[in-house]
Structures are given as C-alpha cells and as structure tokens.
Amino acid sequence: MVINGAKDKINIPIEEIDIDQNMDAVKKYNIRGVPVLILADDSGNEIDRMTGMTDEKKLLEFIGD
C-alpha cells in the first residue's frame, strides 16, 4: 500500500477505515468506491478527496507535504 510506504514522509495523522465495518463513515463521506483517500480537518469535515489507485508522488502532492 502506497500510504504505508510513505508514512515516514507524511506529517499528518492517517486513519484507515474498513468500510464494511464502519457504515457511519461511508454515509458521512458518501463513499461510493474504493480506494478513496479523504483529507479532513480536525472536526472531520471533508477538505478534499482522491479516488482510485495512486503513486507516492501523487499522494504526497495531494496531501501537500
């Protein structure tokens, strides 16, 4: 997984959610496909999202690190 390989380069908390076990998150963020990376603020409000597979460079650009 790209995120696991880039964890040492990412300076924000990362939470992996099993959509089969957390339907509240699926509903809250209107998740319709996976993989999806949702960037959220401290209150859990969505800032941006990236859907589909990605590479480390694009992931780091998306996060802004």
PDB file of N, CA and C in Angstrom:
ATOM      1  N   MET A   1       0.841  -1.171   0.000  1.00  0.00           N
ATOM      2  CA  MET A   1       0.000   0.000   0.000  1.00  0.00           C
ATOM      3  C   MET A   1       0.890   1.238   0.000  1.00  0.00           C
ATOM      4  N   VAL A   2       0.588   2.178  -0.849  1.00  0.00           N
ATOM      5  CA  VAL A   2       1.391   3.392  -1.001  1.00  0.00           C
ATOM      6  C   VAL A   2       1.473   4.183   0.300  1.00  0.00           C
ATOM      7  N   ILE A   3       0.382   4.288   1.014  1.00  0.00           N
ATOM      8  CA  ILE A   3       0.385   5.065   2.258  1.00  0.00           C
ATOM      9  C   ILE A   3       1.355   4.466   3.267  1.00  0.00           C
ATOM     10  N   ASN A   4       1.352   3.152   3.408  1.00  0.00           N
ATOM     11  CA  ASN A   4       2.270   2.518   4.356  1.00  0.00           C
ATOM     12  C   ASN A   4       3.719   2.796   3.986  1.00  0.00           C
ATOM     13  N   GLY A   5       4.034   2.808   2.706  1.00  0.00           N
ATOM     14  CA  GLY A   5       5.390   3.072   2.257  1.00  0.00           C
ATOM     15  C   GLY A   5       5.804   4.523   2.424  1.00  0.00           C
ATOM     16  N   ALA A   6       4.837   5.425   2.518  1.00  0.00           N
ATOM     17  CA  ALA A   6       5.134   6.855   2.603  1.00  0.00           C
ATOM     18  C   ALA A   6       4.919   7.424   4.002  1.00  0.00           C
ATOM     19  N   LYS A   7       4.577   6.600   4.978  1.00  0.00           N
ATOM     20  CA  LYS A   7       4.246   7.096   6.321  1.00  0.00           C
ATOM     21  C   LYS A   7       5.355   7.944   6.932  1.00  0.00           C
ATOM     22  N   ASP A   8       6.606   7.601   6.649  1.00  0.00           N
ATOM     23  CA  ASP A   8       7.709   8.372   7.228  1.00  0.00           C
ATOM     24  C   ASP A   8       7.849   9.747   6.590  1.00  0.00           C
ATOM     25  N   LYS A   9       7.146   9.985   5.488  1.00  0.00           N
ATOM     26  CA  LYS A   9       7.195  11.277   4.791  1.00  0.00           C
ATOM     27  C   LYS A   9       5.938  12.115   5.020  1.00  0.00           C
ATOM     28  N   ILE A  10       4.959  11.562   5.731  1.00  0.00           N
ATOM     29  CA  ILE A  10       3.674  12.229   5.941  1.00  0.00           C
ATOM     30  C   ILE A  10       3.598  12.728   7.381  1.00  0.00           C
ATOM     31  N   ASN A  11       3.274  14.006   7.534  1.00  0.00           N
ATOM     32  CA  ASN A  11       3.257  14.626   8.861  1.00  0.00           C
ATOM     33  C   ASN A  11       1.856  14.878   9.395  1.00  0.00           C
ATOM     34  N   ILE A  12       0.871  14.135   8.907  1.00  0.00           N
ATOM     35  CA  ILE A  12      -0.499  14.274   9.406  1.00  0.00           C
ATOM     36  C   ILE A  12      -1.000  12.900   9.830  1.00  0.00           C
ATOM     37  N   PRO A  13      -1.957  12.851  10.751  1.00  0.00           N
ATOM     38  CA  PRO A  13      -2.488  11.552  11.177  1.00  0.00           C
ATOM     39  C   PRO A  13      -3.226  10.855  10.038  1.00  0.00           C
ATOM     40  N   ILE A  14      -3.074   9.543   9.972  1.00  0.00           N
ATOM     41  CA  ILE A  14      -3.741   8.739   8.951  1.00  0.00           C
ATOM     42  C   ILE A  14      -4.595   7.696   9.661  1.00  0.00           C
ATOM     43  N   GLU A  15      -5.841   7.585   9.234  1.00  0.00           N
ATOM     44  CA  GLU A  15      -6.739   6.583   9.800  1.00  0.00           C
ATOM     45  C   GLU A  15      -7.273   5.728   8.672  1.00  0.00           C
ATOM     46  N   GLU A  16      -7.030   4.438   8.751  1.00  0.00           N
ATOM     47  CA  GLU A  16      -7.551   3.512   7.759  1.00  0.00           C
ATOM     48  C   GLU A  16      -8.879   2.977   8.268  1.00  0.00           C
ATOM     49  N   ILE A  17      -9.893   3.014   7.407  1.00  0.00           N
ATOM     50  CA  ILE A  17     -11.235   2.600   7.810  1.00  0.00           C
ATOM     51  C   ILE A  17     -11.692   1.444   6.933  1.00  0.00           C
ATOM     52  N   ASP A  18     -12.184   0.395   7.566  1.00  0.00           N
ATOM     53  CA  ASP A  18     -12.782  -0.740   6.870  1.00  0.00           C
ATOM     54  C   ASP A  18     -14.236  -0.359   6.595  1.00  0.00           C
ATOM     55  N   ILE A  19     -14.564  -0.128   5.330  1.00  0.00           N
ATOM     56  CA  ILE A  19     -15.919   0.346   5.010  1.00  0.00           C
ATOM     57  C   ILE A  19     -16.993  -0.686   5.325  1.00  0.00           C
ATOM     58  N   ASP A  20     -16.615  -1.962   5.389  1.00  0.00           N
ATOM     59  CA  ASP A  20     -17.591  -2.991   5.752  1.00  0.00           C
ATOM     60  C   ASP A  20     -17.919  -2.939   7.241  1.00  0.00           C
ATOM     61  N   GLN A  21     -17.020  -2.382   8.035  1.00  0.00           N
ATOM     62  CA  GLN A  21     -17.202  -2.323   9.477  1.00  0.00           C
ATOM     63  C   GLN A  21     -17.600  -0.934   9.973  1.00  0.00           C
ATOM     64  N   ASN A  22     -17.576   0.070   9.111  1.00  0.00           N
ATOM     65  CA  ASN A  22     -17.845   1.442   9.549  1.00  0.00           C
ATOM     66  C   ASN A  22     -18.782   2.148   8.573  1.00  0.00           C
ATOM     67  N   MET A  23     -20.039   1.735   8.593  1.00  0.00           N
ATOM     68  CA  MET A  23     -21.029   2.318   7.681  1.00  0.00           C
ATOM     69  C   MET A  23     -21.300   3.788   7.986  1.00  0.00           C
ATOM     70  N   ASP A  24     -21.054   4.221   9.221  1.00  0.00           N
ATOM     71  CA  ASP A  24     -21.239   5.634   9.552  1.00  0.00           C
ATOM     72  C   ASP A  24     -20.300   6.505   8.717  1.00  0.00           C
ATOM     73  N   ALA A  25     -19.041   6.083   8.577  1.00  0.00           N
ATOM     74  CA  ALA A  25     -18.076   6.836   7.769  1.00  0.00           C
ATOM     75  C   ALA A  25     -18.463   6.797   6.292  1.00  0.00           C
ATOM     76  N   VAL A  26     -18.945   5.650   5.832  1.00  0.00           N
ATOM     77  CA  VAL A  26     -19.379   5.522   4.438  1.00  0.00           C
ATOM     78  C   VAL A  26     -20.487   6.525   4.138  1.00  0.00           C
ATOM     79  N   LYS A  27     -21.439   6.627   5.044  1.00  0.00           N
ATOM     80  CA  LYS A  27     -22.548   7.566   4.864  1.00  0.00           C
ATOM     81  C   LYS A  27     -22.090   9.015   5.012  1.00  0.00           C
ATOM     82  N   LYS A  28     -21.293   9.286   6.037  1.00  0.00           N
ATOM     83  CA  LYS A  28     -20.841  10.656   6.295  1.00  0.00           C
ATOM     84  C   LYS A  28     -20.079  11.227   5.106  1.00  0.00           C
ATOM     85  N   TYR A  29     -19.185  10.422   4.537  1.00  0.00           N
ATOM     86  CA  TYR A  29     -18.336  10.909   3.448  1.00  0.00           C
ATOM     87  C   TYR A  29     -18.838  10.489   2.068  1.00  0.00           C
ATOM     88  N   ASN A  30     -20.026   9.857   2.026  1.00  0.00           N
ATOM     89  CA  ASN A  30     -20.632   9.458   0.760  1.00  0.00           C
ATOM     90  C   ASN A  30     -19.647   8.656  -0.096  1.00  0.00           C
ATOM     91  N   ILE A  31     -19.063   7.635   0.508  1.00  0.00           N
ATOM     92  CA  ILE A  31     -18.077   6.804  -0.186  1.00  0.00           C
ATOM     93  C   ILE A  31     -18.805   5.848  -1.106  1.00  0.00           C
ATOM     94  N   ARG A  32     -18.450   5.900  -2.389  1.00  0.00           N
ATOM     95  CA  ARG A  32     -19.104   5.058  -3.389  1.00  0.00           C
ATOM     96  C   ARG A  32     -18.131   4.100  -4.060  1.00  0.00           C
ATOM     97  N   GLY A  33     -16.845   4.326  -3.861  1.00  0.00           N
ATOM     98  CA  GLY A  33     -15.845   3.451  -4.446  1.00  0.00           C
ATOM     99  C   GLY A  33     -14.591   3.454  -3.613  1.00  0.00           C
ATOM    100  N   VAL A  34     -13.826   2.395  -3.746  1.00  0.00           N
ATOM    101  CA  VAL A  34     -12.555   2.290  -3.034  1.00  0.00           C
ATOM    102  C   VAL A  34     -11.476   1.863  -4.025  1.00  0.00           C
ATOM    103  N   PRO A  35     -10.266   2.251  -3.808  1.00  0.00           N
ATOM    104  CA  PRO A  35      -9.791   3.011  -2.664  1.00  0.00           C
ATOM    105  C   PRO A  35     -10.145   4.485  -2.785  1.00  0.00           C
ATOM    106  N   VAL A  36     -10.282   5.127  -1.640  1.00  0.00           N
ATOM    107  CA  VAL A  36     -10.535   6.567  -1.585  1.00  0.00           C
ATOM    108  C   VAL A  36      -9.732   7.136  -0.416  1.00  0.00           C
ATOM    109  N   LEU A  37      -9.111   8.259  -0.660  1.00  0.00           N
ATOM    110  CA  LEU A  37      -8.375   8.966   0.379  1.00  0.00           C
ATOM    111  C   LEU A  37      -9.098  10.271   0.622  1.00  0.00           C
ATOM    112  N   ILE A  38      -9.552  10.476   1.849  1.00  0.00           N
ATOM    113  CA  ILE A  38     -10.298  11.683   2.184  1.00  0.00           C
ATOM    114  C   ILE A  38      -9.452  12.512   3.132  1.00  0.00           C
ATOM    115  N   LEU A  39      -9.211  13.741   2.744  1.00  0.00           N
ATOM    116  CA  LEU A  39      -8.486  14.691   3.578  1.00  0.00           C
ATOM    117  C   LEU A  39      -9.531  15.454   4.380  1.00  0.00           C
ATOM    118  N   ALA A  40      -9.431  15.383   5.715  1.00  0.00           N
ATOM    119  CA  ALA A  40     -10.424  16.016   6.578  1.00  0.00           C
ATOM    120  C   ALA A  40      -9.738  16.929   7.589  1.00  0.00           C
ATOM    121  N   ASP A  41     -10.474  17.945   8.031  1.00  0.00           N
ATOM    122  CA  ASP A  41      -9.929  18.842   9.049  1.00  0.00           C
ATOM    123  C   ASP A  41     -10.090  18.208  10.436  1.00  0.00           C
ATOM    124  N   ASP A  42      -9.682  18.916  11.475  1.00  0.00           N
ATOM    125  CA  ASP A  42      -9.723  18.379  12.835  1.00  0.00           C
ATOM    126  C   ASP A  42     -11.137  18.048  13.307  1.00  0.00           C
ATOM    127  N   SER A  43     -12.135  18.654  12.686  1.00  0.00           N
ATOM    128  CA  SER A  43     -13.528  18.385  13.055  1.00  0.00           C
ATOM    129  C   SER A  43     -14.136  17.255  12.235  1.00  0.00           C
ATOM    130  N   GLY A  44     -13.367  16.697  11.295  1.00  0.00           N
ATOM    131  CA  GLY A  44     -13.871  15.619  10.464  1.00  0.00           C
ATOM    132  C   GLY A  44     -14.574  16.083   9.212  1.00  0.00           C
ATOM    133  N   ASN A  45     -14.510  17.387   8.917  1.00  0.00           N
ATOM    134  CA  ASN A  45     -15.126  17.912   7.704  1.00  0.00           C
ATOM    135  C   ASN A  45     -14.210  17.652   6.510  1.00  0.00           C
ATOM    136  N   GLU A  46     -14.790  17.140   5.439  1.00  0.00           N
ATOM    137  CA  GLU A  46     -14.002  16.828   4.249  1.00  0.00           C
ATOM    138  C   GLU A  46     -13.445  18.090   3.606  1.00  0.00           C
ATOM    139  N   ILE A  47     -12.153  18.052   3.294  1.00  0.00           N
ATOM    140  CA  ILE A  47     -11.486  19.145   2.602  1.00  0.00           C
ATOM    141  C   ILE A  47     -11.319  18.786   1.134  1.00  0.00           C
ATOM    142  N   ASP A  48     -10.908  17.551   0.879  1.00  0.00           N
ATOM    143  CA  ASP A  48     -10.661  17.091  -0.484  1.00  0.00           C
ATOM    144  C   ASP A  48     -10.660  15.569  -0.481  1.00  0.00           C
ATOM    145  N   ARG A  49     -10.730  14.973  -1.664  1.00  0.00           N
ATOM    146  CA  ARG A  49     -10.657  13.516  -1.770  1.00  0.00           C
ATOM    147  C   ARG A  49      -9.957  13.102  -3.044  1.00  0.00           C
ATOM    148  N   MET A  50      -9.373  11.917  -2.992  1.00  0.00           N
ATOM    149  CA  MET A  50      -8.713  11.304  -4.142  1.00  0.00           C
ATOM    150  C   MET A  50      -9.240   9.879  -4.233  1.00  0.00           C
ATOM    151  N   THR A  51      -9.808   9.540  -5.375  1.00  0.00           N
ATOM    152  CA  THR A  51     -10.368   8.215  -5.575  1.00  0.00           C
ATOM    153  C   THR A  51      -9.509   7.443  -6.562  1.00  0.00           C
ATOM    154  N   GLY A  52      -9.307   6.174  -6.278  1.00  0.00           N
ATOM    155  CA  GLY A  52      -8.539   5.309  -7.161  1.00  0.00           C
ATOM    156  C   GLY A  52      -7.110   5.129  -6.689  1.00  0.00           C
ATOM    157  N   MET A  53      -6.427   4.250  -7.375  1.00  0.00           N
ATOM    158  CA  MET A  53      -5.035   3.963  -7.038  1.00  0.00           C
ATOM    159  C   MET A  53      -4.163   5.165  -7.385  1.00  0.00           C
ATOM    160  N   THR A  54      -3.057   5.305  -6.648  1.00  0.00           N
ATOM    161  CA  THR A  54      -2.146   6.412  -6.883  1.00  0.00           C
ATOM    162  C   THR A  54      -0.726   5.956  -6.578  1.00  0.00           C
ATOM    163  N   ASP A  55       0.230   6.796  -6.892  1.00  0.00           N
ATOM    164  CA  ASP A  55       1.611   6.502  -6.531  1.00  0.00           C
ATOM    165  C   ASP A  55       2.044   7.459  -5.429  1.00  0.00           C
ATOM    166  N   GLU A  56       3.235   7.223  -4.882  1.00  0.00           N
ATOM    167  CA  GLU A  56       3.694   8.006  -3.740  1.00  0.00           C
ATOM    168  C   GLU A  56       3.816   9.493  -4.074  1.00  0.00           C
ATOM    169  N   LYS A  57       4.315   9.813  -5.236  1.00  0.00           N
ATOM    170  CA  LYS A  57       4.490  11.223  -5.624  1.00  0.00           C
ATOM    171  C   LYS A  57       3.150  11.954  -5.634  1.00  0.00           C
ATOM    172  N   LYS A  58       2.147  11.362  -6.264  1.00  0.00           N
ATOM    173  CA  LYS A  58       0.818  11.995  -6.335  1.00  0.00           C
ATOM    174  C   LYS A  58       0.169  12.073  -4.953  1.00  0.00           C
ATOM    175  N   LEU A  59       0.394  11.054  -4.139  1.00  0.00           N
ATOM    176  CA  LEU A  59      -0.140  11.054  -2.783  1.00  0.00           C
ATOM    177  C   LEU A  59       0.437  12.220  -1.982  1.00  0.00           C
ATOM    178  N   LEU A  60       1.742  12.403  -2.026  1.00  0.00           N
ATOM    179  CA  LEU A  60       2.381  13.479  -1.288  1.00  0.00           C
ATOM    180  C   LEU A  60       1.959  14.859  -1.815  1.00  0.00           C
ATOM    181  N   GLU A  61       1.765  14.972  -3.127  1.00  0.00           N
ATOM    182  CA  GLU A  61       1.272  16.236  -3.700  1.00  0.00           C
ATOM    183  C   GLU A  61      -0.136  16.513  -3.216  1.00  0.00           C
ATOM    184  N   PHE A  62      -0.984  15.489  -3.175  1.00  0.00           N
ATOM    185  CA  PHE A  62      -2.360  15.645  -2.724  1.00  0.00           C
ATOM    186  C   PHE A  62      -2.420  16.106  -1.270  1.00  0.00           C
ATOM    187  N   ILE A  63      -1.613  15.492  -0.438  1.00  0.00           N
ATOM    188  CA  ILE A  63      -1.594  15.837   0.979  1.00  0.00           C
ATOM    189  C   ILE A  63      -0.968  17.203   1.211  1.00  0.00           C
ATOM    190  N   GLY A  64      -0.072  17.578   0.336  1.00  0.00           N
ATOM    191  CA  GLY A  64       0.559  18.880   0.469  1.00  0.00           C
ATOM    192  C   GLY A  64       1.819  18.841   1.311  1.00  0.00           C
ATOM    193  N   ASP A  65       2.392  17.671   1.484  1.00  0.00           N
ATOM    194  CA  ASP A  65       3.643  17.537   2.248  1.00  0.00           C
ATOM    195  C   ASP A  65       4.841  17.755   1.354  1.00  0.00           C
TER     196      ASP A  65
END
